[in-house]
Amino acid sequence: MYIHISQLRICKRLINNDICTSVSIINTNTFVHLYALFDA
């Protein structure tokens, strides 16, 4: 399961970011993108 950056942007806007984090753990590559997105 791969999440596109556009979906991550929507996820970033959610109040509960834990959902995004838990989903990103499934795919390491997605986690890297998610981490970079939140870190930026």
N, C-alpha and C. Protein backbone atom coordinates (compact mmCIF):
# COMPACT_ATOMS: atom_id res chain seq x y z
N MET A 1 0.84 -1.20 0.00
CA MET A 1 0.00 0.00 0.00
C MET A 1 0.87 1.24 0.00
N TYR A 2 0.77 2.02 -1.04
CA TYR A 2 1.59 3.23 -1.13
C TYR A 2 0.70 4.47 -1.10
N ILE A 3 1.10 5.43 -0.29
CA ILE A 3 0.31 6.66 -0.17
C ILE A 3 1.00 7.79 -0.93
N HIS A 4 0.27 8.44 -1.82
CA HIS A 4 0.85 9.53 -2.59
C HIS A 4 1.02 10.76 -1.71
N ILE A 5 1.92 11.63 -2.12
CA ILE A 5 2.19 12.85 -1.35
C ILE A 5 0.93 13.69 -1.21
N SER A 6 0.09 13.70 -2.25
CA SER A 6 -1.15 14.47 -2.20
C SER A 6 -2.04 13.98 -1.07
N GLN A 7 -2.05 12.66 -0.85
CA GLN A 7 -2.85 12.10 0.23
C GLN A 7 -2.23 12.44 1.58
N LEU A 8 -0.89 12.52 1.61
CA LEU A 8 -0.22 12.85 2.86
C LEU A 8 -0.53 14.29 3.26
N ARG A 9 -0.66 15.15 2.28
CA ARG A 9 -1.00 16.54 2.57
C ARG A 9 -2.37 16.64 3.21
N ILE A 10 -3.30 15.83 2.70
CA ILE A 10 -4.65 15.81 3.28
C ILE A 10 -4.57 15.25 4.70
N CYS A 11 -3.74 14.23 4.87
CA CYS A 11 -3.59 13.59 6.16
C CYS A 11 -2.96 14.56 7.16
N LYS A 12 -2.06 15.40 6.67
CA LYS A 12 -1.38 16.36 7.54
C LYS A 12 -2.35 17.38 8.11
N ARG A 13 -3.40 17.65 7.35
CA ARG A 13 -4.38 18.64 7.79
C ARG A 13 -5.34 18.10 8.84
N LEU A 14 -5.36 16.77 8.99
CA LEU A 14 -6.24 16.17 9.98
C LEU A 14 -5.80 16.52 11.40
N ILE A 15 -6.76 16.64 12.28
CA ILE A 15 -6.45 16.96 13.68
C ILE A 15 -5.70 15.82 14.33
N ASN A 16 -6.12 14.59 14.01
CA ASN A 16 -5.48 13.41 14.60
C ASN A 16 -4.42 12.88 13.65
N ASN A 17 -3.17 13.26 13.87
CA ASN A 17 -2.09 12.85 13.01
C ASN A 17 -1.63 11.43 13.30
N ASP A 18 -2.11 10.85 14.41
CA ASP A 18 -1.71 9.49 14.77
C ASP A 18 -2.16 8.49 13.71
N ILE A 19 -3.27 8.79 13.04
CA ILE A 19 -3.77 7.90 12.00
C ILE A 19 -2.76 7.82 10.86
N CYS A 20 -2.22 8.96 10.49
CA CYS A 20 -1.24 9.01 9.40
C CYS A 20 0.01 8.25 9.80
N THR A 21 0.44 8.44 11.02
CA THR A 21 1.65 7.78 11.50
C THR A 21 1.49 6.27 11.50
N SER A 22 0.37 5.79 11.99
CA SER A 22 0.13 4.34 12.06
C SER A 22 0.08 3.73 10.66
N VAL A 23 -0.49 4.46 9.72
CA VAL A 23 -0.57 3.97 8.34
C VAL A 23 0.81 3.96 7.71
N SER A 24 1.61 4.95 8.02
CA SER A 24 2.93 5.06 7.40
C SER A 24 3.86 3.94 7.85
N ILE A 25 3.60 3.39 9.02
CA ILE A 25 4.45 2.32 9.53
C ILE A 25 4.37 1.09 8.62
N ILE A 26 3.25 0.93 7.94
CA ILE A 26 3.07 -0.22 7.04
C ILE A 26 4.12 -0.19 5.92
N ASN A 27 4.41 0.99 5.42
CA ASN A 27 5.37 1.11 4.34
C ASN A 27 6.50 2.03 4.77
N THR A 28 7.72 1.50 4.81
CA THR A 28 8.87 2.29 5.25
C THR A 28 9.09 3.48 4.35
N ASN A 29 8.89 3.29 3.06
CA ASN A 29 9.08 4.37 2.11
C ASN A 29 8.09 5.49 2.36
N THR A 30 6.86 5.10 2.68
CA THR A 30 5.82 6.08 3.00
C THR A 30 6.17 6.82 4.29
N PHE A 31 6.75 6.07 5.23
CA PHE A 31 7.11 6.66 6.51
C PHE A 31 8.16 7.76 6.32
N VAL A 32 9.11 7.50 5.44
CA VAL A 32 10.16 8.48 5.16
C VAL A 32 9.56 9.75 4.59
N HIS A 33 8.61 9.60 3.65
CA HIS A 33 7.96 10.76 3.06
C HIS A 33 7.13 11.50 4.10
N LEU A 34 6.44 10.73 4.95
CA LEU A 34 5.60 11.33 5.97
C LEU A 34 6.44 12.09 6.98
N TYR A 35 7.56 11.48 7.39
CA TYR A 35 8.44 12.10 8.37
C TYR A 35 9.03 13.39 7.81
N ALA A 36 9.43 13.34 6.56
CA ALA A 36 10.02 14.53 5.92
C ALA A 36 8.97 15.62 5.79
N LEU A 37 7.72 15.21 5.55
CA LEU A 37 6.64 16.17 5.37
C LEU A 37 6.32 16.89 6.68
N PHE A 38 6.26 16.11 7.76
CA PHE A 38 5.97 16.71 9.06
C PHE A 38 7.16 17.49 9.60
N ASP A 39 8.36 17.05 9.24
CA ASP A 39 9.57 17.69 9.73
C ASP A 39 9.81 19.02 9.03
N ALA A 40 9.32 19.14 7.79
CA ALA A 40 9.54 20.36 7.02
C ALA A 40 8.75 21.54 7.60
